C-alpha atoms as a PDB file:
ATOM      1  CA  MET A   1     -28.586   9.203  25.262  1.00  0.00           C
ATOM      2  CA  PRO A   2     -31.331  11.427  24.959  1.00  0.00           C
ATOM      3  CA  SER A   3     -33.153  10.992  22.027  1.00  0.00           C
ATOM      4  CA  ILE A   4     -32.957  14.422  20.977  1.00  0.00           C
ATOM      5  CA  LEU A   5     -28.734  13.785  20.532  1.00  0.00           C
ATOM      6  CA  ARG A   6     -29.443  10.696  19.002  1.00  0.00           C
ATOM      7  CA  ASP A   7     -31.384  12.774  16.121  1.00  0.00           C
ATOM      8  CA  ILE A   8     -28.585  15.798  16.145  1.00  0.00           C
ATOM      9  CA  PHE A   9     -26.105  12.709  15.795  1.00  0.00           C
ATOM     10  CA  GLY A  10     -27.800  10.950  12.972  1.00  0.00           C
ATOM     11  CA  LEU A  11     -28.403  14.503  11.241  1.00  0.00           C
ATOM     12  CA  LEU A  12     -24.513  15.462  11.327  1.00  0.00           C
ATOM     13  CA  ALA A  13     -23.740  11.861  10.347  1.00  0.00           C
ATOM     14  CA  ARG A  14     -25.656  12.172   7.195  1.00  0.00           C
ATOM     15  CA  LEU A  15     -24.262  15.589   6.563  1.00  0.00           C
ATOM     16  CA  VAL A  16     -20.740  14.572   6.418  1.00  0.00           C
ATOM     17  CA  ILE A  17     -21.422  11.309   4.306  1.00  0.00           C
ATOM     18  CA  GLY A  18     -24.085  12.933   2.155  1.00  0.00           C
ATOM     19  CA  VAL A  19     -21.356  15.757   1.806  1.00  0.00           C
ATOM     20  CA  VAL A  20     -18.046  13.813   0.928  1.00  0.00           C
ATOM     21  CA  LEU A  21     -20.792  10.978  -1.423  1.00  0.00           C
ATOM     22  CA  ILE A  22     -21.799  14.369  -3.502  1.00  0.00           C
ATOM     23  CA  ALA A  23     -18.274  15.809  -3.992  1.00  0.00           C
ATOM     24  CA  HIS A  24     -17.366  12.466  -5.402  1.00  0.00           C
ATOM     25  CA  GLY A  25     -20.152  11.672  -7.675  1.00  0.00           C
ATOM     26  CA  TYR A  26     -19.883  15.712  -8.969  1.00  0.00           C
ATOM     27  CA  GLN A  27     -16.169  15.257  -9.516  1.00  0.00           C
ATOM     28  CA  LYS A  28     -17.122  11.944 -11.493  1.00  0.00           C
ATOM     29  CA  LEU A  29     -19.907  13.530 -13.562  1.00  0.00           C
ATOM     30  CA  PHE A  30     -18.556  16.951 -14.203  1.00  0.00           C
ATOM     31  CA  GLU A  31     -15.236  18.121 -13.291  1.00  0.00           C
ATOM     32  CA  ASN A  32     -13.284  15.207 -14.548  1.00  0.00           C
ATOM     33  CA  GLY A  33     -15.868  13.927 -16.740  1.00  0.00           C
ATOM     34  CA  MET A  34     -16.823  10.373 -17.173  1.00  0.00           C
ATOM     35  CA  ASP A  35     -14.751   9.461 -19.978  1.00  0.00           C
ATOM     36  CA  ALA A  36     -11.678  10.176 -18.126  1.00  0.00           C
ATOM     37  CA  ALA A  37     -13.348   8.616 -14.753  1.00  0.00           C
ATOM     38  CA  GLY A  38     -14.318   5.093 -16.720  1.00  0.00           C
ATOM     39  CA  GLN A  39     -10.524   5.224 -18.166  1.00  0.00           C
ATOM     40  CA  SER A  40      -9.638   5.770 -14.491  1.00  0.00           C
ATOM     41  CA  PHE A  41     -11.609   2.655 -13.573  1.00  0.00           C
ATOM     42  CA  ALA A  42     -10.391   0.677 -15.991  1.00  0.00           C
ATOM     43  CA  GLN A  43      -6.848   1.613 -15.272  1.00  0.00           C
ATOM     44  CA  MET A  44      -7.878   0.222 -11.670  1.00  0.00           C
ATOM     45  CA  GLY A  45      -9.061  -2.809 -13.008  1.00  0.00           C
ATOM     46  CA  VAL A  46     -12.733  -2.721 -12.318  1.00  0.00           C
ATOM     47  CA  PRO A  47     -14.756  -4.777 -14.688  1.00  0.00           C
ATOM     48  CA  ALA A  48     -16.948  -2.926 -17.004  1.00  0.00           C
ATOM     49  CA  ALA A  49     -15.613   0.309 -16.287  1.00  0.00           C
ATOM     50  CA  GLY A  50     -17.577   2.437 -18.363  1.00  0.00           C
ATOM     51  CA  ILE A  51     -20.824   1.154 -16.818  1.00  0.00           C
ATOM     52  CA  ALA A  52     -19.546   0.821 -13.198  1.00  0.00           C
ATOM     53  CA  VAL A  53     -18.428   4.518 -13.340  1.00  0.00           C
ATOM     54  CA  TRP A  54     -21.677   5.677 -13.831  1.00  0.00           C
ATOM     55  CA  ILE A  55     -23.179   3.333 -11.289  1.00  0.00           C
ATOM     56  CA  ALA A  56     -20.665   4.531  -8.860  1.00  0.00           C
ATOM     57  CA  ALA A  57     -21.112   8.336  -9.853  1.00  0.00           C
ATOM     58  CA  LEU A  58     -25.018   8.230  -9.574  1.00  0.00           C
ATOM     59  CA  ILE A  59     -24.832   6.699  -6.479  1.00  0.00           C
ATOM     60  CA  GLU A  60     -22.344   8.863  -4.789  1.00  0.00           C
ATOM     61  CA  LEU A  61     -24.171  11.924  -5.985  1.00  0.00           C
ATOM     62  CA  ILE A  62     -27.892  11.069  -5.401  1.00  0.00           C
ATOM     63  CA  GLY A  63     -27.052   8.751  -2.643  1.00  0.00           C
ATOM     64  CA  GLY A  64     -25.509  11.761  -0.972  1.00  0.00           C
ATOM     65  CA  ILE A  65     -28.632  13.944  -1.560  1.00  0.00           C
ATOM     66  CA  LEU A  66     -31.033  11.722   0.046  1.00  0.00           C
ATOM     67  CA  MET A  67     -28.633  11.150   2.515  1.00  0.00           C
ATOM     68  CA  ILE A  68     -28.369  14.979   3.387  1.00  0.00           C
ATOM     69  CA  LEU A  69     -32.721  14.651   2.960  1.00  0.00           C
ATOM     70  CA  GLY A  70     -32.865  11.788   5.200  1.00  0.00           C
ATOM     71  CA  LEU A  71     -34.667  10.052   2.590  1.00  0.00           C
ATOM     72  CA  PHE A  72     -35.307   6.007   1.630  1.00  0.00           C
ATOM     73  CA  GLN A  73     -32.446   5.783   3.989  1.00  0.00           C
ATOM     74  CA  THR A  74     -32.292   1.728   4.255  1.00  0.00           C
ATOM     75  CA  VAL A  75     -32.456   1.168   0.159  1.00  0.00           C
ATOM     76  CA  VAL A  76     -29.584   4.499  -0.113  1.00  0.00           C
ATOM     77  CA  GLY A  77     -27.586   3.170   2.747  1.00  0.00           C
ATOM     78  CA  VAL A  78     -27.533  -0.394   1.258  1.00  0.00           C
ATOM     79  CA  LEU A  79     -26.775   0.564  -2.206  1.00  0.00           C
ATOM     80  CA  ILE A  80     -23.672   3.015  -0.672  1.00  0.00           C
ATOM     81  CA  VAL A  81     -22.567   0.033   1.156  1.00  0.00           C
ATOM     82  CA  ILE A  82     -22.588  -2.335  -1.942  1.00  0.00           C
ATOM     83  CA  ASN A  83     -20.368   0.414  -3.761  1.00  0.00           C
ATOM     84  CA  MET A  84     -18.281   1.189  -1.226  1.00  0.00           C
ATOM     85  CA  LEU A  85     -17.458  -2.688  -1.260  1.00  0.00           C
ATOM     86  CA  GLY A  86     -17.122  -2.981  -4.318  1.00  0.00           C
ATOM     87  CA  ALA A  87     -14.466   0.024  -4.163  1.00  0.00           C
ATOM     88  CA  PHE A  88     -12.568  -1.991  -1.371  1.00  0.00           C
ATOM     89  CA  PHE A  89     -12.592  -5.501  -3.010  1.00  0.00           C
ATOM     90  CA  ILE A  90     -11.574  -4.566  -6.443  1.00  0.00           C
ATOM     91  CA  VAL A  91      -9.395  -1.320  -6.048  1.00  0.00           C
ATOM     92  CA  HIS A  92      -8.207  -0.267  -2.460  1.00  0.00           C
ATOM     93  CA  ILE A  93      -7.747  -3.285  -0.151  1.00  0.00           C
ATOM     94  CA  SER A  94      -4.601  -4.507  -2.020  1.00  0.00           C
ATOM     95  CA  ASN A  95      -3.323  -0.713  -1.159  1.00  0.00           C
ATOM     96  CA  GLY A  96      -3.358  -0.633   2.351  1.00  0.00           C
ATOM     97  CA  VAL A  97      -5.286   1.485   4.898  1.00  0.00           C
ATOM     98  CA  PHE A  98      -4.061   5.014   4.060  1.00  0.00           C
ATOM     99  CA  VAL A  99      -5.973   7.304   1.347  1.00  0.00           C
ATOM    100  CA  THR A 100      -2.443   8.508   0.171  1.00  0.00           C
ATOM    101  CA  ASN A 101      -1.562   5.264  -1.189  1.00  0.00           C
ATOM    102  CA  ASN A 102      -4.998   5.013  -2.612  1.00  0.00           C
ATOM    103  CA  GLY A 103      -6.064   2.861  -0.024  1.00  0.00           C
ATOM    104  CA  PHE A 104      -9.550   1.677   1.887  1.00  0.00           C
ATOM    105  CA  GLU A 105      -9.850   3.907   4.748  1.00  0.00           C
ATOM    106  CA  LEU A 106     -12.267   6.357   3.106  1.00  0.00           C
ATOM    107  CA  VAL A 107     -14.376   3.437   1.106  1.00  0.00           C
ATOM    108  CA  LEU A 108     -14.397   1.473   4.511  1.00  0.00           C
ATOM    109  CA  THR A 109     -15.542   4.521   6.569  1.00  0.00           C
ATOM    110  CA  ILE A 110     -18.016   5.365   4.298  1.00  0.00           C
ATOM    111  CA  ALA A 111     -19.653   1.792   3.795  1.00  0.00           C
ATOM    112  CA  ALA A 112     -19.620   1.554   8.008  1.00  0.00           C
ATOM    113  CA  LEU A 113     -21.325   5.014   8.375  1.00  0.00           C
ATOM    114  CA  ALA A 114     -23.706   4.140   5.240  1.00  0.00           C
ATOM    115  CA  LEU A 115     -24.752   0.566   6.998  1.00  0.00           C
ATOM    116  CA  MET A 116     -25.387   2.172  10.212  1.00  0.00           C
ATOM    117  CA  ILE A 117     -27.606   4.486   8.725  1.00  0.00           C
ATOM    118  CA  ALA A 118     -29.302   1.665   6.768  1.00  0.00           C
ATOM    119  CA  THR A 119     -29.926  -0.409  10.287  1.00  0.00           C
ATOM    120  CA  PHE A 120     -30.867   1.843  12.568  1.00  0.00           C
ATOM    121  CA  GLY A 121     -32.533   5.011  10.653  1.00  0.00           C
ATOM    122  CA  SER A 122     -31.700   8.641  10.346  1.00  0.00           C
ATOM    123  CA  GLY A 123     -33.224  10.219  13.280  1.00  0.00           C
ATOM    124  CA  ARG A 124     -36.369  12.019  13.391  1.00  0.00           C
ATOM    125  CA  ILE A 125     -34.448  15.211  11.646  1.00  0.00           C
ATOM    126  CA  ALA A 126     -35.035  13.712   8.103  1.00  0.00           C
ATOM    127  CA  LEU A 127     -37.889  13.415   5.813  1.00  0.00           C
ATOM    128  CA  ASP A 128     -38.432   9.632   6.112  1.00  0.00           C
ATOM    129  CA  SER A 129     -39.565  10.685   9.661  1.00  0.00           C
ATOM    130  CA  VAL A 130     -42.268  12.944   7.623  1.00  0.00           C
ATOM    131  CA  PHE A 131     -43.538  10.046   5.986  1.00  0.00           C
ATOM    132  CA  GLY A 132     -43.277   7.605   8.199  1.00  0.00           C
ATOM    133  CA  LYS A 133     -40.757   5.346   6.866  1.00  0.00           C
ATOM    134  CA  ASN A 134     -37.804   6.415   9.848  1.00  0.00           C
ATOM    135  CA  LYS A 135     -37.158   3.101  11.712  1.00  0.00           C
ATOM    136  CA  ALA A 136     -35.665   5.602  14.631  1.00  0.00           C
ATOM    137  CA  ALA A 137     -38.323   8.023  15.029  1.00  0.00           C
ATOM    138  CA  ALA A 138     -40.599   4.797  15.034  1.00  0.00           C
ATOM    139  CA  ARG A 139     -38.755   3.580  17.814  1.00  0.00           C
ATOM    140  CA  ALA A 140     -38.682   6.800  19.642  1.00  0.00           C
END
């Protein structure tokens, strides 16, 4: 595949994951509020729910912004994977696949996409490539 297409698809993948993560982080922080989100985490059996909700919300909001910008993609991608795998194993796995039943399809998809970005880089249409920290740009 021509490298420009890889870069465009990398940008599209980052935009999609970034928008989804920002929406979820924003919802926890500003729409539902952290108290309500923390109570929801506790009801779902998340250990240390009051702390976990802050970690999840900040990873989602800040991680989503950094994904869109294409900054610190390896670290951000790994943090997102860890966050989503926690959600997968603690909350969603016992509910089956479909998100309508609080299943794991969304968190597993986000984890897989974040792992791909962390592993292969964000493409040349990213701020990481401007600062020389982009795996994909280094290979091109």
